[in-house]
Amino acid sequence: MKYTYTEKKDTRSGFGAGLAELADKNPNVVALCADLIGSLKMEKFIEKAPERFFQVGIAEANMMGLAAGLSITGKIPFTGTFANFSTSRVYDQIRQSIAYSGKNVKICASHAGLTLGEDGATHQVLEDIGMMKMLPGMTVINPCDYNQTKAATIAIADHEGPVYLRFGRPTVPVFIPEDMPFEIGKGILLQEGTDVTIVATGHLVWESLVAADELEKEGISCEVINIHTIKPLDEEIILKSVEKTGKIVTAEEHNYLGGLGESVAGMLARKRPTRQEFVAVNDTFGESATPAELMKKYKIDAAAVKEAVKRILAN
């Protein structure tokens, strides 16, 4: 495999590291948290810039309103709480106070997807990408590992307009080079192939690389693309790949309704109809278990990616 790893880290720590770096780099960056400083790894930012941190408490809707107000003064607010509380709990505030008027607020959402694990279905948001990508002007980013999350956190401070940055709780392989530039809206070709295109996001990028490596040993050549920005979608890199392979598998830790797969399918239906398989949660809530157990049961792991590739090649 071209990409290997020597350690595992949680992507939320990548966010914390990026935010801490912004404390030094950009005096306009301010941080707000809804009583989850430790979970969002915001301690280092507070140590460096305590006067630019606001502990809102368990009042997420108020946090979004405060962030919108701070943005009017020229500040760049980064809000921090769980993905479930960053979206469904405060959707009205985001729509009316942030998205509608294009406020420069960065909505940073940890503990996304099934890999939140043992906290169970009430906290395992699987519809957040769909909710946020439907908001006009909202940029939606879902990085794959610690290094990419850190780079994305730093990059969005320079992007004008609202951003939804999604990351997770568990430790996952760190395989993206630390010095790889992060460009919003530009996918990354991780591995070239000829038989099928695998387009993945978030935690499913590594799972897709593992699947592609195992499939190569069986004589199946997979092209693997990391789509870290779901909106705006990098249509060019996907279209170029499917022109070669003619088949595509999308992989994500999200409900197949409203996620990356539907964005890709809609784009391909308009520009180049292509056979597609979805690796995603099949219109259901999760449950309490370990991340690995949940990914296996709900078929969003490397084995599920392999199965999807074989299905599309067999038909």
Protein backbone atom coordinates (compact mmCIF):
# COMPACT_ATOMS: atom_id res chain seq x y z
CA MET A 1 0.00 0.00 0.00
CA LYS A 2 1.27 3.47 -0.91
CA TYR A 3 -0.11 4.97 2.31
CA THR A 4 0.91 3.50 5.66
CA TYR A 5 0.67 4.70 9.22
CA THR A 6 2.77 4.53 12.36
CA GLU A 7 0.24 5.86 14.85
CA LYS A 8 -3.43 6.42 15.46
CA LYS A 9 -4.94 9.70 16.64
CA ASP A 10 -8.45 11.08 16.97
CA THR A 11 -9.47 13.69 14.42
CA ARG A 12 -10.88 15.93 17.18
CA SER A 13 -7.30 16.31 18.44
CA GLY A 14 -6.36 17.49 14.96
CA PHE A 15 -9.01 20.17 15.33
CA GLY A 16 -7.63 21.16 18.73
CA ALA A 17 -4.10 21.41 17.34
CA GLY A 18 -5.24 23.49 14.39
CA LEU A 19 -7.26 25.82 16.59
CA ALA A 20 -4.28 26.29 18.91
CA GLU A 21 -2.13 27.23 15.94
CA LEU A 22 -4.74 29.76 14.86
CA ALA A 23 -4.52 31.36 18.31
CA ASP A 24 -1.03 32.48 17.32
CA LYS A 25 -1.61 33.04 13.61
CA ASN A 26 -4.87 34.96 13.46
CA PRO A 27 -5.89 37.47 16.17
CA ASN A 28 -9.43 37.61 14.77
CA VAL A 29 -10.13 33.94 15.52
CA VAL A 30 -12.34 33.46 18.57
CA ALA A 31 -13.61 30.17 19.99
CA LEU A 32 -16.93 29.30 21.62
CA CYS A 33 -17.80 26.04 23.36
CA ALA A 34 -20.99 24.53 24.75
CA ASP A 35 -19.53 22.96 27.91
CA LEU A 36 -17.37 20.40 26.07
CA ILE A 37 -13.88 21.88 26.18
CA GLY A 38 -12.15 18.54 26.83
CA SER A 39 -14.13 16.65 24.23
CA LEU A 40 -13.35 19.28 21.57
CA LYS A 41 -9.67 19.54 22.64
CA MET A 42 -9.87 23.32 23.00
CA GLU A 43 -7.62 23.60 26.08
CA LYS A 44 -4.52 24.79 24.19
CA PHE A 45 -6.42 27.59 22.49
CA ILE A 46 -7.67 28.74 25.89
CA GLU A 47 -4.12 28.66 27.31
CA LYS A 48 -2.86 30.80 24.44
CA ALA A 49 -5.79 33.20 24.05
CA PRO A 50 -8.09 33.12 27.09
CA GLU A 51 -9.52 36.53 26.23
CA ARG A 52 -10.75 35.13 22.89
CA PHE A 53 -12.60 32.14 24.35
CA PHE A 54 -16.28 32.07 25.36
CA GLN A 55 -17.72 29.28 27.48
CA VAL A 56 -21.39 29.38 26.59
CA GLY A 57 -22.52 26.39 28.64
CA ILE A 58 -25.20 23.94 27.57
CA ALA A 59 -26.88 26.54 25.38
CA GLU A 60 -26.02 25.63 21.82
CA ALA A 61 -28.63 27.84 20.17
CA ASN A 62 -27.33 30.82 22.11
CA MET A 63 -23.80 29.90 21.02
CA MET A 64 -24.78 30.15 17.34
CA GLY A 65 -26.40 33.53 17.91
CA LEU A 66 -23.31 34.80 19.74
CA ALA A 67 -21.09 33.52 16.94
CA ALA A 68 -23.18 35.31 14.32
CA GLY A 69 -22.93 38.53 16.32
CA LEU A 70 -19.18 38.23 16.78
CA SER A 71 -18.74 37.73 13.04
CA ILE A 72 -20.38 41.11 12.40
CA THR A 73 -17.58 42.75 14.39
CA GLY A 74 -14.93 41.21 12.14
CA LYS A 75 -14.13 38.24 14.36
CA ILE A 76 -13.90 34.70 12.99
CA PRO A 77 -15.88 32.52 15.40
CA PHE A 78 -15.21 28.78 15.73
CA THR A 79 -18.04 27.04 17.60
CA GLY A 80 -17.40 23.69 19.26
CA THR A 81 -19.76 20.94 20.37
CA PHE A 82 -20.86 17.44 19.30
CA ALA A 83 -22.07 17.10 15.70
CA ASN A 84 -25.58 16.24 16.85
CA PHE A 85 -25.79 19.42 18.91
CA SER A 86 -24.05 21.44 16.19
CA THR A 87 -26.77 20.70 13.64
CA SER A 88 -30.20 19.28 14.51
CA ARG A 89 -30.45 21.03 17.88
CA VAL A 90 -29.61 24.44 16.41
CA TYR A 91 -30.66 24.17 12.77
CA ASP A 92 -33.03 27.12 12.92
CA GLN A 93 -30.34 29.40 14.39
CA ILE A 94 -27.82 28.29 11.76
CA ARG A 95 -30.26 28.77 8.92
CA GLN A 96 -31.61 32.14 9.99
CA SER A 97 -28.66 33.82 11.72
CA ILE A 98 -25.65 32.33 9.90
CA ALA A 99 -26.41 30.77 6.50
CA TYR A 100 -29.12 33.18 5.31
CA SER A 101 -26.88 36.20 5.73
CA GLY A 102 -23.61 34.42 4.90
CA LYS A 103 -21.99 35.01 8.28
CA ASN A 104 -18.32 34.06 8.57
CA VAL A 105 -18.90 31.40 11.26
CA LYS A 106 -17.05 28.07 11.44
CA ILE A 107 -19.29 25.36 12.91
CA CYS A 108 -16.91 22.70 14.24
CA ALA A 109 -18.58 19.41 15.04
CA SER A 110 -16.98 16.50 16.89
CA HIS A 111 -18.20 12.98 17.70
CA ALA A 112 -19.91 12.57 14.30
CA GLY A 113 -21.29 9.33 12.93
CA LEU A 114 -21.51 5.82 14.36
CA THR A 115 -17.94 5.86 15.65
CA LEU A 116 -19.06 8.00 18.56
CA GLY A 117 -19.60 4.47 19.84
CA GLU A 118 -20.98 3.60 23.23
CA ASP A 119 -22.97 6.83 23.75
CA GLY A 120 -25.57 5.35 21.42
CA ALA A 121 -28.13 6.42 18.84
CA THR A 122 -29.21 9.69 20.47
CA HIS A 123 -25.69 11.09 19.97
CA GLN A 124 -24.67 9.30 16.75
CA VAL A 125 -25.79 11.83 14.17
CA LEU A 126 -25.98 10.32 10.67
CA GLU A 127 -27.93 13.04 8.88
CA ASP A 128 -25.79 16.10 9.55
CA ILE A 129 -24.02 16.25 6.19
CA GLY A 130 -27.36 16.28 4.41
CA MET A 131 -28.76 18.97 6.67
CA MET A 132 -25.78 21.25 6.30
CA LYS A 133 -25.09 20.80 2.57
CA MET A 134 -28.67 21.86 1.77
CA LEU A 135 -28.08 25.30 3.28
CA PRO A 136 -27.19 27.78 0.51
CA GLY A 137 -23.63 29.04 0.79
CA MET A 138 -22.58 26.50 3.44
CA THR A 139 -19.23 24.78 2.86
CA VAL A 140 -19.17 21.20 4.23
CA ILE A 141 -15.84 19.53 5.10
CA ASN A 142 -15.25 16.02 6.45
CA PRO A 143 -11.48 15.29 6.79
CA CYS A 144 -10.07 11.78 7.08
CA ASP A 145 -7.34 11.82 9.75
CA TYR A 146 -5.53 13.93 12.37
CA ASN A 147 -3.23 15.73 9.93
CA GLN A 148 -5.97 16.56 7.47
CA THR A 149 -8.29 17.79 10.22
CA LYS A 150 -5.58 20.08 11.57
CA ALA A 151 -4.90 21.43 8.08
CA ALA A 152 -8.61 21.90 7.39
CA THR A 153 -9.10 23.78 10.66
CA ILE A 154 -6.36 26.23 9.73
CA ALA A 155 -7.59 26.57 6.15
CA ILE A 156 -11.18 27.48 6.97
CA ALA A 157 -10.05 30.53 8.95
CA ASP A 158 -9.02 32.08 5.61
CA HIS A 159 -12.24 31.09 3.86
CA GLU A 160 -14.91 33.79 3.83
CA GLY A 161 -18.36 32.43 4.67
CA PRO A 162 -20.02 29.76 6.82
CA VAL A 163 -18.33 26.37 7.13
CA TYR A 164 -19.40 23.07 8.67
CA LEU A 165 -16.32 21.08 9.75
CA ARG A 166 -17.08 17.50 10.79
CA PHE A 167 -14.71 15.19 12.71
CA GLY A 168 -14.77 12.29 15.14
CA ARG A 169 -14.08 10.73 18.50
CA PRO A 170 -12.09 7.50 17.94
CA THR A 171 -8.42 7.12 17.18
CA VAL A 172 -7.85 6.33 13.49
CA PRO A 173 -4.71 5.83 11.37
CA VAL A 174 -2.73 8.98 10.55
CA PHE A 175 -1.66 8.55 6.93
CA ILE A 176 -2.00 11.92 5.18
CA PRO A 177 1.41 13.65 5.10
CA GLU A 178 1.67 16.46 7.63
CA ASP A 179 2.80 18.91 4.96
CA MET A 180 0.10 18.07 2.39
CA PRO A 181 -1.73 21.31 1.50
CA PHE A 182 -5.44 21.46 2.23
CA GLU A 183 -7.45 23.06 -0.54
CA ILE A 184 -11.16 23.51 0.07
CA GLY A 185 -13.21 21.93 -2.71
CA LYS A 186 -10.35 19.90 -4.21
CA GLY A 187 -10.38 16.11 -3.82
CA ILE A 188 -7.17 14.11 -3.57
CA LEU A 189 -6.31 11.16 -5.81
CA LEU A 190 -4.73 8.73 -3.35
CA GLN A 191 -4.36 5.72 -5.60
CA GLU A 192 -4.73 5.19 -9.33
CA GLY A 193 -6.72 2.27 -10.72
CA THR A 194 -8.57 1.07 -13.79
CA ASP A 195 -11.47 -1.19 -12.77
CA VAL A 196 -13.55 0.90 -10.36
CA THR A 197 -13.49 4.31 -8.68
CA ILE A 198 -13.86 4.48 -4.88
CA VAL A 199 -14.81 7.94 -3.62
CA ALA A 200 -14.61 8.15 0.16
CA THR A 201 -14.82 10.73 2.92
CA GLY A 202 -13.89 10.92 6.61
CA HIS A 203 -13.10 7.68 8.41
CA LEU A 204 -14.05 5.67 5.33
CA VAL A 205 -11.01 6.93 3.39
CA TRP A 206 -8.63 4.64 5.28
CA GLU A 207 -11.12 1.77 5.12
CA SER A 208 -11.26 2.26 1.34
CA LEU A 209 -7.48 2.17 1.04
CA VAL A 210 -7.39 -1.07 3.01
CA ALA A 211 -10.11 -2.54 0.80
CA ALA A 212 -8.30 -1.43 -2.37
CA ASP A 213 -5.06 -3.03 -1.16
CA GLU A 214 -6.80 -6.34 -0.48
CA LEU A 215 -8.65 -6.22 -3.81
CA GLU A 216 -5.40 -5.58 -5.68
CA LYS A 217 -4.15 -8.92 -4.41
CA GLU A 218 -7.21 -10.46 -6.09
CA GLY A 219 -6.44 -8.73 -9.39
CA ILE A 220 -8.92 -5.85 -9.02
CA SER A 221 -7.56 -2.36 -9.65
CA CYS A 222 -9.25 0.40 -7.63
CA GLU A 223 -8.84 4.15 -7.98
CA VAL A 224 -9.28 5.80 -4.56
CA ILE A 225 -10.24 9.45 -4.15
CA ASN A 226 -10.44 11.36 -0.88
CA ILE A 227 -13.35 13.80 -1.04
CA HIS A 228 -12.77 15.82 2.12
CA THR A 229 -15.00 18.66 0.90
CA ILE A 230 -18.51 17.46 0.22
CA LYS A 231 -19.73 20.93 -0.68
CA PRO A 232 -18.49 22.33 -3.00
CA LEU A 233 -17.95 18.93 -4.58
CA ASP A 234 -14.88 18.40 -6.75
CA GLU A 235 -16.75 17.25 -9.84
CA GLU A 236 -13.70 17.34 -12.10
CA ILE A 237 -11.68 14.71 -10.23
CA ILE A 238 -14.67 12.35 -10.05
CA LEU A 239 -15.67 12.77 -13.70
CA LYS A 240 -12.10 12.21 -14.86
CA SER A 241 -11.90 8.99 -12.87
CA VAL A 242 -15.23 7.50 -13.97
CA GLU A 243 -14.40 8.27 -17.61
CA LYS A 244 -11.63 5.71 -17.12
CA THR A 245 -13.32 3.12 -14.87
CA GLY A 246 -17.02 3.44 -15.75
CA LYS A 247 -18.03 2.35 -12.24
CA ILE A 248 -18.07 4.07 -8.85
CA VAL A 249 -18.44 3.16 -5.17
CA THR A 250 -19.04 5.92 -2.62
CA ALA A 251 -18.14 5.33 1.02
CA GLU A 252 -19.12 7.40 4.04
CA GLU A 253 -20.00 7.28 7.73
CA HIS A 254 -23.43 8.77 7.21
CA ASN A 255 -26.93 7.82 6.13
CA TYR A 256 -26.92 7.09 2.41
CA LEU A 257 -29.82 9.55 2.19
CA GLY A 258 -28.41 13.05 1.87
CA GLY A 259 -24.72 12.24 2.14
CA LEU A 260 -21.69 12.17 -0.14
CA GLY A 261 -23.14 9.32 -2.20
CA GLU A 262 -26.26 11.26 -3.14
CA SER A 263 -24.19 14.34 -4.03
CA VAL A 264 -22.05 12.22 -6.34
CA ALA A 265 -25.07 10.41 -7.82
CA GLY A 266 -26.85 13.69 -8.55
CA MET A 267 -23.80 15.15 -10.22
CA LEU A 268 -23.23 12.04 -12.33
CA ALA A 269 -26.90 11.87 -13.33
CA ARG A 270 -26.56 15.38 -14.75
CA LYS A 271 -23.14 15.04 -16.37
CA ARG A 272 -22.20 11.38 -16.92
CA PRO A 273 -24.61 8.63 -15.82
CA THR A 274 -22.51 5.94 -14.12
CA ARG A 275 -23.27 2.73 -12.25
CA GLN A 276 -22.84 3.33 -8.53
CA GLU A 277 -22.83 1.39 -5.27
CA PHE A 278 -23.27 3.05 -1.87
CA VAL A 279 -21.35 2.16 1.30
CA ALA A 280 -23.29 4.03 3.97
CA VAL A 281 -25.75 3.49 6.79
CA ASN A 282 -29.01 2.21 5.35
CA ASP A 283 -31.67 4.63 6.63
CA THR A 284 -31.51 3.66 10.30
CA PHE A 285 -30.36 4.92 13.67
CA GLY A 286 -27.33 3.41 15.40
CA GLU A 287 -26.95 1.76 18.80
CA SER A 288 -24.46 1.45 21.63
CA ALA A 289 -21.32 -0.57 20.88
CA THR A 290 -17.65 -0.06 20.07
CA PRO A 291 -16.80 1.85 16.87
CA ALA A 292 -15.40 -1.28 15.21
CA GLU A 293 -18.49 -3.34 16.10
CA LEU A 294 -20.80 -0.65 14.74
CA MET A 295 -18.87 -0.20 11.50
CA LYS A 296 -19.01 -3.93 10.90
CA LYS A 297 -22.71 -4.32 11.73
CA TYR A 298 -23.82 -1.32 9.71
CA LYS A 299 -21.51 -2.24 6.81
CA ILE A 300 -19.28 0.83 6.64
CA ASP A 301 -15.87 -0.81 7.02
CA ALA A 302 -13.22 -2.12 4.63
CA ALA A 303 -15.07 -5.41 4.20
CA ALA A 304 -18.20 -3.53 3.13
CA VAL A 305 -16.21 -1.52 0.59
CA LYS A 306 -14.80 -4.75 -0.85
CA GLU A 307 -18.30 -6.24 -1.10
CA ALA A 308 -19.58 -3.14 -2.91
CA VAL A 309 -16.72 -3.24 -5.41
CA LYS A 310 -17.37 -6.91 -6.15
CA ARG A 311 -21.10 -6.27 -6.55
CA ILE A 312 -20.60 -3.55 -9.10
CA LEU A 313 -18.02 -5.57 -11.04
CA ALA A 314 -20.32 -8.60 -11.12
CA ASN A 315 -23.26 -6.76 -12.68
